[in-house]
Amino acid sequence: MGLSTGNSLSSGGGSSGLSTSGVTTLIKNNTPWQYIETITASSSSTLDLTNSSISNFDAFYIHFDNINLSTNAQTRMQLYLDSTLQTGSYYRSTVVVGSNTNGTTAGQSSNSAWIVGGQSYTWMRNITGAMYVGGKSGNVKVLKSNLSAANSGNSVIRHDMGGALTDVGESSTITGFNFFTNNGNYSSGQLHLYGMNKHG
């Protein structure tokens, strides 16, 4: 199969092919996730994922790729709704967290951000894992994450979390994600953002 000089894919010498829109539809119907953007940390006080195409999706996957902090700290996240950063105390969560020696459960019923890592046990080195956010307009915005990292010593930290943004923003569209810490900064690593293709 070769690529024709026009905006279509042709097979052999045939005159008909798949149009650009047809290729887009084929990929969309057979690929659950579409890459949106990557942000690289470099002594960054915040990491913002705000690509203009975010509003085209209702569900998101964020991959934490070797994120390192400058010191032991918590990692936190807020949502942009209709291009405005939501900072009100509407973030609620339930957490199972532990180290290689201890474990506990925790929760928050009214906070100005989701604590997505380091709650009860602060961490620092090589934050790795996955986060999913669902937020179709007209629905509560919900988060599920499974992350692990090491602290500045010899402890491994696990942070499994479920969260919801309630009492605000149900009619709004998610347009971005803001990550920050309660101490220090993001020294290195990357966040990769994907959106789930809509099917109907």
Protein backbone atom coordinates (compact mmCIF):
# COMPACT_ATOMS: atom_id res chain seq x y z
CA MET A 1 0.00 0.00 0.00
CA GLY A 2 1.40 3.39 -0.97
CA LEU A 3 0.59 6.97 -0.11
CA SER A 4 -0.92 8.87 -3.04
CA THR A 5 0.05 12.45 -3.88
CA GLY A 6 -3.40 13.68 -2.84
CA ASN A 7 -5.13 13.45 0.51
CA SER A 8 -5.96 9.78 0.21
CA LEU A 9 -4.43 6.37 0.61
CA SER A 10 -4.37 4.33 -2.57
CA SER A 11 -3.73 0.65 -3.13
CA GLY A 12 -1.76 -0.34 -6.17
CA GLY A 13 -2.75 1.80 -9.15
CA GLY A 14 -6.41 2.13 -8.26
CA SER A 15 -8.06 5.52 -8.59
CA SER A 16 -10.01 5.32 -5.34
CA GLY A 17 -8.58 5.50 -1.84
CA LEU A 18 -9.31 6.37 1.76
CA SER A 19 -9.75 10.08 2.37
CA THR A 20 -8.02 11.97 5.16
CA SER A 21 -11.26 12.07 7.15
CA GLY A 22 -11.68 8.35 6.51
CA VAL A 23 -8.21 7.65 7.90
CA THR A 24 -9.01 9.78 10.97
CA THR A 25 -12.26 7.87 11.53
CA LEU A 26 -10.50 4.52 11.08
CA ILE A 27 -7.87 5.40 13.67
CA LYS A 28 -10.45 6.81 16.08
CA ASN A 29 -12.65 3.72 15.87
CA ASN A 30 -9.76 1.34 16.48
CA THR A 31 -7.61 3.26 18.98
CA PRO A 32 -9.01 3.92 22.45
CA TRP A 33 -6.52 6.64 23.45
CA GLN A 34 -5.23 9.63 21.52
CA TYR A 35 -2.00 11.35 22.50
CA ILE A 36 -2.49 15.02 23.47
CA GLU A 37 0.74 16.40 24.93
CA THR A 38 3.83 15.91 27.11
CA ILE A 39 5.26 18.34 29.64
CA THR A 40 8.82 18.08 30.98
CA ALA A 41 9.75 19.14 34.51
CA SER A 42 12.88 21.22 35.08
CA SER A 43 12.90 22.78 38.54
CA SER A 44 9.24 23.61 37.86
CA SER A 45 6.97 24.99 40.58
CA THR A 46 3.94 23.78 38.61
CA LEU A 47 3.25 21.46 35.69
CA ASP A 48 0.31 22.57 33.54
CA LEU A 49 -1.32 20.41 30.88
CA THR A 50 -3.44 22.92 28.95
CA ASN A 51 -3.35 21.89 25.28
CA SER A 52 -6.24 23.42 23.34
CA SER A 53 -7.50 19.99 22.22
CA ILE A 54 -8.21 18.81 25.81
CA SER A 55 -11.77 20.13 25.58
CA ASN A 56 -12.46 17.65 22.76
CA PHE A 57 -12.31 14.72 25.19
CA ASP A 58 -14.39 13.52 28.14
CA ALA A 59 -11.95 11.03 29.70
CA PHE A 60 -8.19 11.25 30.24
CA TYR A 61 -5.16 9.13 31.03
CA ILE A 62 -2.08 10.80 32.55
CA HIS A 63 1.15 8.78 32.67
CA PHE A 64 3.71 9.75 35.31
CA ASP A 65 7.11 9.13 33.73
CA ASN A 66 9.97 9.22 36.30
CA ILE A 67 8.79 12.40 38.03
CA ASN A 68 11.27 13.61 40.66
CA LEU A 69 10.81 16.27 43.33
CA SER A 70 13.47 18.52 44.82
CA THR A 71 12.57 17.33 48.35
CA ASN A 72 10.14 15.05 50.17
CA ALA A 73 6.68 16.51 49.53
CA GLN A 74 3.10 15.95 48.47
CA THR A 75 2.00 16.15 44.84
CA ARG A 76 -1.29 17.95 44.28
CA MET A 77 -3.61 18.60 41.35
CA GLN A 78 -6.36 21.04 40.38
CA LEU A 79 -8.57 21.10 37.30
CA TYR A 80 -9.08 23.82 34.75
CA LEU A 81 -12.82 24.05 34.00
CA ASP A 82 -13.80 26.15 30.98
CA SER A 83 -10.23 27.56 31.04
CA THR A 84 -10.52 28.73 34.67
CA LEU A 85 -8.43 27.04 37.38
CA GLN A 86 -10.76 25.59 40.03
CA THR A 87 -9.28 26.47 43.44
CA GLY A 88 -12.36 26.21 45.67
CA SER A 89 -12.69 23.67 48.48
CA TYR A 90 -14.68 21.13 46.47
CA TYR A 91 -12.05 18.40 46.01
CA ARG A 92 -12.90 15.20 47.91
CA SER A 93 -10.92 11.98 48.08
CA THR A 94 -10.41 8.55 49.60
CA VAL A 95 -6.89 7.11 49.77
CA VAL A 96 -5.07 3.87 50.54
CA VAL A 97 -1.45 4.75 51.18
CA GLY A 98 1.56 2.99 52.63
CA SER A 99 5.28 2.46 52.79
CA ASN A 100 7.28 -0.75 52.95
CA THR A 101 6.80 -0.73 56.75
CA ASN A 102 3.39 0.88 57.38
CA GLY A 103 0.04 1.54 55.76
CA THR A 104 -3.13 3.51 56.37
CA THR A 105 -6.29 4.90 54.81
CA ALA A 106 -7.12 8.57 54.58
CA GLY A 107 -9.68 10.91 53.10
CA GLN A 108 -10.57 14.53 52.57
CA SER A 109 -14.07 15.96 52.38
CA SER A 110 -13.27 19.58 51.55
CA ASN A 111 -9.92 20.57 50.09
CA SER A 112 -8.69 23.12 47.56
CA ALA A 113 -6.85 20.43 45.55
CA TRP A 114 -6.56 16.68 45.22
CA ILE A 115 -3.50 15.31 47.04
CA VAL A 116 -2.51 12.76 44.41
CA GLY A 117 0.66 11.57 46.13
CA GLY A 118 2.63 11.74 49.34
CA GLN A 119 -0.33 11.99 51.72
CA SER A 120 0.66 10.62 55.16
CA TYR A 121 3.98 9.47 53.66
CA THR A 122 5.77 12.17 51.62
CA TRP A 123 7.78 11.06 48.61
CA MET A 124 10.43 12.40 46.28
CA ARG A 125 12.04 10.06 43.75
CA ASN A 126 10.76 8.52 40.50
CA ILE A 127 6.98 8.94 40.82
CA THR A 128 5.59 6.41 38.37
CA GLY A 129 2.11 5.21 37.52
CA ALA A 130 -1.23 6.05 35.97
CA MET A 131 -4.06 8.49 36.61
CA TYR A 132 -7.51 8.48 35.02
CA VAL A 133 -9.91 11.43 35.03
CA GLY A 134 -13.50 11.32 33.82
CA GLY A 135 -15.38 14.56 33.32
CA LYS A 136 -18.04 14.65 30.63
CA SER A 137 -20.01 17.90 30.75
CA GLY A 138 -23.06 17.42 32.95
CA ASN A 139 -21.29 14.95 35.22
CA VAL A 140 -19.23 15.07 38.41
CA LYS A 141 -15.50 15.13 37.66
CA VAL A 142 -13.90 11.93 39.03
CA LEU A 143 -10.28 10.82 39.42
CA LYS A 144 -8.65 7.39 39.94
CA SER A 145 -4.88 7.06 40.35
CA ASN A 146 -2.32 4.39 41.22
CA LEU A 147 1.12 5.85 41.83
CA SER A 148 4.35 4.71 43.50
CA ALA A 149 7.65 6.41 44.36
CA ALA A 150 10.57 6.40 46.77
CA ASN A 151 11.28 8.99 49.43
CA SER A 152 14.70 10.56 50.03
CA GLY A 153 15.71 7.53 52.10
CA ASN A 154 15.07 3.84 51.54
CA SER A 155 11.27 3.73 51.73
CA VAL A 156 8.90 2.95 48.86
CA ILE A 157 5.58 4.79 48.95
CA ARG A 158 2.31 3.60 47.36
CA HIS A 159 -0.62 5.98 46.87
CA ASP A 160 -3.92 4.63 45.50
CA MET A 161 -6.63 7.26 45.30
CA GLY A 162 -10.19 7.95 44.25
CA GLY A 163 -11.43 11.51 44.06
CA ALA A 164 -14.41 13.63 43.03
CA LEU A 165 -14.97 17.33 42.44
CA THR A 166 -18.49 17.89 43.73
CA ASP A 167 -20.89 20.81 44.18
CA VAL A 168 -19.23 22.71 41.37
CA GLY A 169 -18.38 22.36 37.69
CA GLU A 170 -20.76 19.61 36.63
CA SER A 171 -21.89 21.61 33.60
CA SER A 172 -18.30 22.63 32.79
CA THR A 173 -15.75 21.11 30.43
CA ILE A 174 -12.29 20.03 31.59
CA THR A 175 -9.71 22.16 29.78
CA GLY A 176 -6.54 21.44 31.73
CA PHE A 177 -4.67 19.97 34.69
CA ASN A 178 -2.44 21.84 37.16
CA PHE A 179 0.11 19.89 39.22
CA PHE A 180 2.02 21.47 42.11
CA THR A 181 3.64 20.50 45.41
CA ASN A 182 3.33 21.67 49.02
CA ASN A 183 7.13 22.01 49.23
CA GLY A 184 9.95 22.41 46.73
CA ASN A 185 9.42 21.78 43.02
CA TYR A 186 9.33 19.21 40.22
CA SER A 187 13.01 18.76 39.38
CA SER A 188 12.75 16.33 36.44
CA GLY A 189 10.59 13.81 34.63
CA GLN A 190 7.58 14.02 32.35
CA LEU A 191 3.79 13.86 32.32
CA HIS A 192 2.13 12.39 29.23
CA LEU A 193 -1.54 13.18 28.57
CA TYR A 194 -3.94 11.10 26.47
CA GLY A 195 -7.64 11.53 25.77
CA MET A 196 -10.12 8.74 25.16
CA ASN A 197 -11.66 8.87 21.70
CA LYS A 198 -15.43 9.33 21.73
CA HIS A 199 -17.53 6.56 20.25
CA GLY A 200 -21.02 7.86 19.72
